[in-house]
Amino acid sequence: MGIKENIKSIVVAAGWNYVELAEELSKITGRKYTNQLISNRIRKEIISFREVELICSIVGYKIEFIKK
C-alpha cells in the first residue's frame, strides 16, 4: 500500500474528509490549505513528512517507527 492509500484510509477510517482536513491544517499552520491541494500533494507523493504528521495527529493517529 502506498502513501496515498495509507493516508486516505486513516482519514476515512477516522470519519474525516479532505475539506475538513484542509480547514484544520489551515488553522494549525496558518497556511492556506484546500482539499484540492492536499489531494494533489498526496496523489503526487510530494507531501512533506511534517504534513503527514499533522494529518495523522488531527485524525487521531501517530506515526511510529518500528525496527524490523
PDB file of N, CA and C in Angstrom:
ATOM      1  N   MET A   1       0.844  -1.165   0.000  1.00  0.00           N
ATOM      2  CA  MET A   1       0.000   0.000   0.000  1.00  0.00           C
ATOM      3  C   MET A   1       0.897   1.239   0.000  1.00  0.00           C
ATOM      4  N   GLY A   2       0.604   2.190  -0.883  1.00  0.00           N
ATOM      5  CA  GLY A   2       1.391   3.404  -0.991  1.00  0.00           C
ATOM      6  C   GLY A   2       0.932   4.481  -0.029  1.00  0.00           C
ATOM      7  N   ILE A   3       1.644   5.599  -0.045  1.00  0.00           N
ATOM      8  CA  ILE A   3       1.336   6.710   0.850  1.00  0.00           C
ATOM      9  C   ILE A   3      -0.085   7.217   0.630  1.00  0.00           C
ATOM     10  N   LYS A   4      -0.505   7.285  -0.630  1.00  0.00           N
ATOM     11  CA  LYS A   4      -1.851   7.774  -0.944  1.00  0.00           C
ATOM     12  C   LYS A   4      -2.906   6.913  -0.272  1.00  0.00           C
ATOM     13  N   GLU A   5      -2.786   5.621  -0.427  1.00  0.00           N
ATOM     14  CA  GLU A   5      -3.765   4.706   0.147  1.00  0.00           C
ATOM     15  C   GLU A   5      -3.717   4.725   1.664  1.00  0.00           C
ATOM     16  N   ASN A   6      -2.503   4.802   2.232  1.00  0.00           N
ATOM     17  CA  ASN A   6      -2.359   4.834   3.685  1.00  0.00           C
ATOM     18  C   ASN A   6      -3.022   6.064   4.290  1.00  0.00           C
ATOM     19  N   ILE A   7      -2.720   7.212   3.744  1.00  0.00           N
ATOM     20  CA  ILE A   7      -3.288   8.447   4.286  1.00  0.00           C
ATOM     21  C   ILE A   7      -4.800   8.465   4.107  1.00  0.00           C
ATOM     22  N   LYS A   8      -5.248   8.131   2.912  1.00  0.00           N
ATOM     23  CA  LYS A   8      -6.689   8.151   2.655  1.00  0.00           C
ATOM     24  C   LYS A   8      -7.421   7.190   3.582  1.00  0.00           C
ATOM     25  N   SER A   9      -6.869   6.025   3.816  1.00  0.00           N
ATOM     26  CA  SER A   9      -7.546   5.043   4.662  1.00  0.00           C
ATOM     27  C   SER A   9      -7.657   5.515   6.109  1.00  0.00           C
ATOM     28  N   ILE A  10      -6.611   6.148   6.644  1.00  0.00           N
ATOM     29  CA  ILE A  10      -6.722   6.616   8.034  1.00  0.00           C
ATOM     30  C   ILE A  10      -7.654   7.821   8.148  1.00  0.00           C
ATOM     31  N   VAL A  11      -7.650   8.677   7.132  1.00  0.00           N
ATOM     32  CA  VAL A  11      -8.542   9.846   7.148  1.00  0.00           C
ATOM     33  C   VAL A  11      -9.994   9.386   7.122  1.00  0.00           C
ATOM     34  N   VAL A  12     -10.318   8.481   6.212  1.00  0.00           N
ATOM     35  CA  VAL A  12     -11.688   7.977   6.080  1.00  0.00           C
ATOM     36  C   VAL A  12     -12.088   7.165   7.316  1.00  0.00           C
ATOM     37  N   ALA A  13     -11.174   6.323   7.806  1.00  0.00           N
ATOM     38  CA  ALA A  13     -11.476   5.498   8.979  1.00  0.00           C
ATOM     39  C   ALA A  13     -11.779   6.353  10.206  1.00  0.00           C
ATOM     40  N   ALA A  14     -11.157   7.527  10.271  1.00  0.00           N
ATOM     41  CA  ALA A  14     -11.376   8.424  11.403  1.00  0.00           C
ATOM     42  C   ALA A  14     -12.619   9.295  11.206  1.00  0.00           C
ATOM     43  N   GLY A  15     -13.278   9.163  10.045  1.00  0.00           N
ATOM     44  CA  GLY A  15     -14.508   9.906   9.798  1.00  0.00           C
ATOM     45  C   GLY A  15     -14.282  11.329   9.295  1.00  0.00           C
ATOM     46  N   TRP A  16     -13.127  11.592   8.744  1.00  0.00           N
ATOM     47  CA  TRP A  16     -12.793  12.919   8.209  1.00  0.00           C
ATOM     48  C   TRP A  16     -12.840  12.888   6.694  1.00  0.00           C
ATOM     49  N   ASN A  17     -12.865  14.085   6.092  1.00  0.00           N
ATOM     50  CA  ASN A  17     -12.701  14.199   4.646  1.00  0.00           C
ATOM     51  C   ASN A  17     -11.668  15.284   4.384  1.00  0.00           C
ATOM     52  N   TYR A  18     -11.249  15.436   3.135  1.00  0.00           N
ATOM     53  CA  TYR A  18     -10.178  16.379   2.809  1.00  0.00           C
ATOM     54  C   TYR A  18     -10.589  17.836   3.021  1.00  0.00           C
ATOM     55  N   VAL A  19     -11.866  18.149   2.909  1.00  0.00           N
ATOM     56  CA  VAL A  19     -12.327  19.522   3.144  1.00  0.00           C
ATOM     57  C   VAL A  19     -12.128  19.889   4.618  1.00  0.00           C
ATOM     58  N   GLU A  20     -12.583  19.010   5.504  1.00  0.00           N
ATOM     59  CA  GLU A  20     -12.411  19.246   6.942  1.00  0.00           C
ATOM     60  C   GLU A  20     -10.933  19.263   7.321  1.00  0.00           C
ATOM     61  N   LEU A  21     -10.191  18.370   6.727  1.00  0.00           N
ATOM     62  CA  LEU A  21      -8.757  18.287   6.987  1.00  0.00           C
ATOM     63  C   LEU A  21      -8.053  19.573   6.557  1.00  0.00           C
ATOM     64  N   ALA A  22      -8.414  20.098   5.405  1.00  0.00           N
ATOM     65  CA  ALA A  22      -7.817  21.338   4.901  1.00  0.00           C
ATOM     66  C   ALA A  22      -8.104  22.496   5.852  1.00  0.00           C
ATOM     67  N   GLU A  23      -9.330  22.574   6.352  1.00  0.00           N
ATOM     68  CA  GLU A  23      -9.688  23.638   7.291  1.00  0.00           C
ATOM     69  C   GLU A  23      -8.856  23.545   8.563  1.00  0.00           C
ATOM     70  N   GLU A  24      -8.706  22.342   9.082  1.00  0.00           N
ATOM     71  CA  GLU A  24      -7.941  22.154  10.319  1.00  0.00           C
ATOM     72  C   GLU A  24      -6.451  22.423  10.110  1.00  0.00           C
ATOM     73  N   LEU A  25      -5.899  21.956   9.000  1.00  0.00           N
ATOM     74  CA  LEU A  25      -4.493  22.233   8.695  1.00  0.00           C
ATOM     75  C   LEU A  25      -4.251  23.734   8.567  1.00  0.00           C
ATOM     76  N   SER A  26      -5.186  24.445   7.955  1.00  0.00           N
ATOM     77  CA  SER A  26      -5.062  25.900   7.812  1.00  0.00           C
ATOM     78  C   SER A  26      -5.046  26.584   9.176  1.00  0.00           C
ATOM     79  N   LYS A  27      -5.909  26.131  10.074  1.00  0.00           N
ATOM     80  CA  LYS A  27      -5.956  26.696  11.424  1.00  0.00           C
ATOM     81  C   LYS A  27      -4.645  26.475  12.171  1.00  0.00           C
ATOM     82  N   ILE A  28      -4.132  25.266  12.081  1.00  0.00           N
ATOM     83  CA  ILE A  28      -2.928  24.895  12.833  1.00  0.00           C
ATOM     84  C   ILE A  28      -1.683  25.588  12.296  1.00  0.00           C
ATOM     85  N   THR A  29      -1.538  25.602  10.980  1.00  0.00           N
ATOM     86  CA  THR A  29      -0.294  26.097  10.382  1.00  0.00           C
ATOM     87  C   THR A  29      -0.326  27.571  10.009  1.00  0.00           C
ATOM     88  N   GLY A  30      -1.514  28.123   9.821  1.00  0.00           N
ATOM     89  CA  GLY A  30      -1.614  29.500   9.355  1.00  0.00           C
ATOM     90  C   GLY A  30      -1.411  29.622   7.851  1.00  0.00           C
ATOM     91  N   ARG A  31      -1.211  28.502   7.200  1.00  0.00           N
ATOM     92  CA  ARG A  31      -1.046  28.446   5.746  1.00  0.00           C
ATOM     93  C   ARG A  31      -2.371  28.012   5.127  1.00  0.00           C
ATOM     94  N   LYS A  32      -2.696  28.553   3.966  1.00  0.00           N
ATOM     95  CA  LYS A  32      -3.957  28.216   3.307  1.00  0.00           C
ATOM     96  C   LYS A  32      -3.877  26.829   2.667  1.00  0.00           C
ATOM     97  N   TYR A  33      -4.698  25.923   3.166  1.00  0.00           N
ATOM     98  CA  TYR A  33      -4.811  24.580   2.591  1.00  0.00           C
ATOM     99  C   TYR A  33      -6.203  24.438   1.998  1.00  0.00           C
ATOM    100  N   THR A  34      -6.278  23.739   0.873  1.00  0.00           N
ATOM    101  CA  THR A  34      -7.561  23.389   0.276  1.00  0.00           C
ATOM    102  C   THR A  34      -7.603  21.877   0.133  1.00  0.00           C
ATOM    103  N   ASN A  35      -8.810  21.357  -0.042  1.00  0.00           N
ATOM    104  CA  ASN A  35      -8.905  19.909  -0.234  1.00  0.00           C
ATOM    105  C   ASN A  35      -8.171  19.478  -1.506  1.00  0.00           C
ATOM    106  N   GLN A  36      -8.205  20.332  -2.529  1.00  0.00           N
ATOM    107  CA  GLN A  36      -7.516  20.017  -3.782  1.00  0.00           C
ATOM    108  C   GLN A  36      -5.999  19.994  -3.584  1.00  0.00           C
ATOM    109  N   LEU A  37      -5.476  20.939  -2.820  1.00  0.00           N
ATOM    110  CA  LEU A  37      -4.031  20.982  -2.541  1.00  0.00           C
ATOM    111  C   LEU A  37      -3.592  19.721  -1.810  1.00  0.00           C
ATOM    112  N   ILE A  38      -4.333  19.349  -0.790  1.00  0.00           N
ATOM    113  CA  ILE A  38      -3.993  18.140  -0.038  1.00  0.00           C
ATOM    114  C   ILE A  38      -4.069  16.914  -0.940  1.00  0.00           C
ATOM    115  N   SER A  39      -5.137  16.805  -1.687  1.00  0.00           N
ATOM    116  CA  SER A  39      -5.318  15.672  -2.586  1.00  0.00           C
ATOM    117  C   SER A  39      -4.181  15.574  -3.602  1.00  0.00           C
ATOM    118  N   ASN A  40      -3.821  16.697  -4.199  1.00  0.00           N
ATOM    119  CA  ASN A  40      -2.744  16.701  -5.192  1.00  0.00           C
ATOM    120  C   ASN A  40      -1.396  16.344  -4.577  1.00  0.00           C
ATOM    121  N   ARG A  41      -1.105  16.895  -3.407  1.00  0.00           N
ATOM    122  CA  ARG A  41       0.183  16.615  -2.761  1.00  0.00           C
ATOM    123  C   ARG A  41       0.295  15.140  -2.391  1.00  0.00           C
ATOM    124  N   ILE A  42      -0.795  14.569  -1.939  1.00  0.00           N
ATOM    125  CA  ILE A  42      -0.786  13.146  -1.595  1.00  0.00           C
ATOM    126  C   ILE A  42      -0.699  12.293  -2.860  1.00  0.00           C
ATOM    127  N   ARG A  43      -1.503  12.627  -3.863  1.00  0.00           N
ATOM    128  CA  ARG A  43      -1.518  11.848  -5.108  1.00  0.00           C
ATOM    129  C   ARG A  43      -0.159  11.861  -5.798  1.00  0.00           C
ATOM    130  N   LYS A  44       0.489  13.026  -5.816  1.00  0.00           N
ATOM    131  CA  LYS A  44       1.793  13.159  -6.473  1.00  0.00           C
ATOM    132  C   LYS A  44       2.951  12.735  -5.574  1.00  0.00           C
ATOM    133  N   GLU A  45       2.617  12.371  -4.330  1.00  0.00           N
ATOM    134  CA  GLU A  45       3.597  11.955  -3.336  1.00  0.00           C
ATOM    135  C   GLU A  45       4.653  13.032  -3.090  1.00  0.00           C
ATOM    136  N   ILE A  46       4.196  14.280  -2.986  1.00  0.00           N
ATOM    137  CA  ILE A  46       5.101  15.391  -2.687  1.00  0.00           C
ATOM    138  C   ILE A  46       4.746  16.039  -1.350  1.00  0.00           C
ATOM    139  N   ILE A  47       4.012  15.326  -0.544  1.00  0.00           N
ATOM    140  CA  ILE A  47       3.624  15.824   0.768  1.00  0.00           C
ATOM    141  C   ILE A  47       4.806  15.690   1.726  1.00  0.00           C
ATOM    142  N   SER A  48       4.988  16.687   2.573  1.00  0.00           N
ATOM    143  CA  SER A  48       6.118  16.651   3.499  1.00  0.00           C
ATOM    144  C   SER A  48       5.804  15.732   4.675  1.00  0.00           C
ATOM    145  N   PHE A  49       6.860  15.290   5.325  1.00  0.00           N
ATOM    146  CA  PHE A  49       6.691  14.435   6.490  1.00  0.00           C
ATOM    147  C   PHE A  49       5.955  15.188   7.583  1.00  0.00           C
ATOM    148  N   ARG A  50       6.259  16.464   7.740  1.00  0.00           N
ATOM    149  CA  ARG A  50       5.589  17.291   8.755  1.00  0.00           C
ATOM    150  C   ARG A  50       4.076  17.355   8.486  1.00  0.00           C
ATOM    151  N   GLU A  51       3.691  17.475   7.220  1.00  0.00           N
ATOM    152  CA  GLU A  51       2.275  17.499   6.871  1.00  0.00           C
ATOM    153  C   GLU A  51       1.612  16.156   7.191  1.00  0.00           C
ATOM    154  N   VAL A  52       2.308  15.081   6.918  1.00  0.00           N
ATOM    155  CA  VAL A  52       1.769  13.753   7.234  1.00  0.00           C
ATOM    156  C   VAL A  52       1.606  13.616   8.748  1.00  0.00           C
ATOM    157  N   GLU A  53       2.593  14.085   9.513  1.00  0.00           N
ATOM    158  CA  GLU A  53       2.489  14.052  10.972  1.00  0.00           C
ATOM    159  C   GLU A  53       1.270  14.843  11.457  1.00  0.00           C
ATOM    160  N   LEU A  54       1.074  16.031  10.893  1.00  0.00           N
ATOM    161  CA  LEU A  54      -0.065  16.864  11.278  1.00  0.00           C
ATOM    162  C   LEU A  54      -1.387  16.195  10.934  1.00  0.00           C
ATOM    163  N   ILE A  55      -1.467  15.642   9.731  1.00  0.00           N
ATOM    164  CA  ILE A  55      -2.696  14.953   9.314  1.00  0.00           C
ATOM    165  C   ILE A  55      -2.995  13.802  10.269  1.00  0.00           C
ATOM    166  N   CYS A  56      -1.992  13.012  10.580  1.00  0.00           N
ATOM    167  CA  CYS A  56      -2.188  11.887  11.500  1.00  0.00           C
ATOM    168  C   CYS A  56      -2.641  12.377  12.864  1.00  0.00           C
ATOM    169  N   SER A  57      -2.022  13.411  13.355  1.00  0.00           N
ATOM    170  CA  SER A  57      -2.381  13.973  14.652  1.00  0.00           C
ATOM    171  C   SER A  57      -3.828  14.477  14.653  1.00  0.00           C
ATOM    172  N   ILE A  58      -4.218  15.164  13.609  1.00  0.00           N
ATOM    173  CA  ILE A  58      -5.578  15.708  13.507  1.00  0.00           C
ATOM    174  C   ILE A  58      -6.625  14.601  13.561  1.00  0.00           C
ATOM    175  N   VAL A  59      -6.381  13.514  12.849  1.00  0.00           N
ATOM    176  CA  VAL A  59      -7.386  12.438  12.780  1.00  0.00           C
ATOM    177  C   VAL A  59      -7.209  11.394  13.886  1.00  0.00           C
ATOM    178  N   GLY A  60      -6.253  11.625  14.786  1.00  0.00           N
ATOM    179  CA  GLY A  60      -6.119  10.756  15.949  1.00  0.00           C
ATOM    180  C   GLY A  60      -5.157   9.592  15.807  1.00  0.00           C
ATOM    181  N   TYR A  61      -4.191   9.721  14.927  1.00  0.00           N
ATOM    182  CA  TYR A  61      -3.186   8.684  14.737  1.00  0.00           C
ATOM    183  C   TYR A  61      -1.804   9.243  15.047  1.00  0.00           C
ATOM    184  N   LYS A  62      -0.837   8.364  15.206  1.00  0.00           N
ATOM    185  CA  LYS A  62       0.546   8.793  15.339  1.00  0.00           C
ATOM    186  C   LYS A  62       1.411   7.883  14.484  1.00  0.00           C
ATOM    187  N   ILE A  63       2.536   8.428  14.065  1.00  0.00           N
ATOM    188  CA  ILE A  63       3.482   7.659  13.269  1.00  0.00           C
ATOM    189  C   ILE A  63       4.484   7.042  14.215  1.00  0.00           C
ATOM    190  N   GLU A  64       4.753   5.773  13.997  1.00  0.00           N
ATOM    191  CA  GLU A  64       5.687   5.073  14.859  1.00  0.00           C
ATOM    192  C   GLU A  64       6.669   4.289  13.996  1.00  0.00           C
ATOM    193  N   PHE A  65       7.937   4.401  14.307  1.00  0.00           N
ATOM    194  CA  PHE A  65       8.957   3.645  13.598  1.00  0.00           C
ATOM    195  C   PHE A  65       9.302   2.423  14.432  1.00  0.00           C
ATOM    196  N   ILE A  66       9.219   1.265  13.790  1.00  0.00           N
ATOM    197  CA  ILE A  66       9.492   0.004  14.487  1.00  0.00           C
ATOM    198  C   ILE A  66      10.586  -0.735  13.731  1.00  0.00           C
ATOM    199  N   LYS A  67      11.625  -1.085  14.461  1.00  0.00           N
ATOM    200  CA  LYS A  67      12.733  -1.825  13.864  1.00  0.00           C
ATOM    201  C   LYS A  67      12.269  -3.207  13.436  1.00  0.00           C
ATOM    202  N   LYS A  68      12.697  -3.606  12.233  1.00  0.00           N
ATOM    203  CA  LYS A  68      12.334  -4.935  11.727  1.00  0.00           C
ATOM    204  C   LYS A  68      13.004  -6.025  12.523  1.00  0.00           C
TER     205      LYS A  68
END
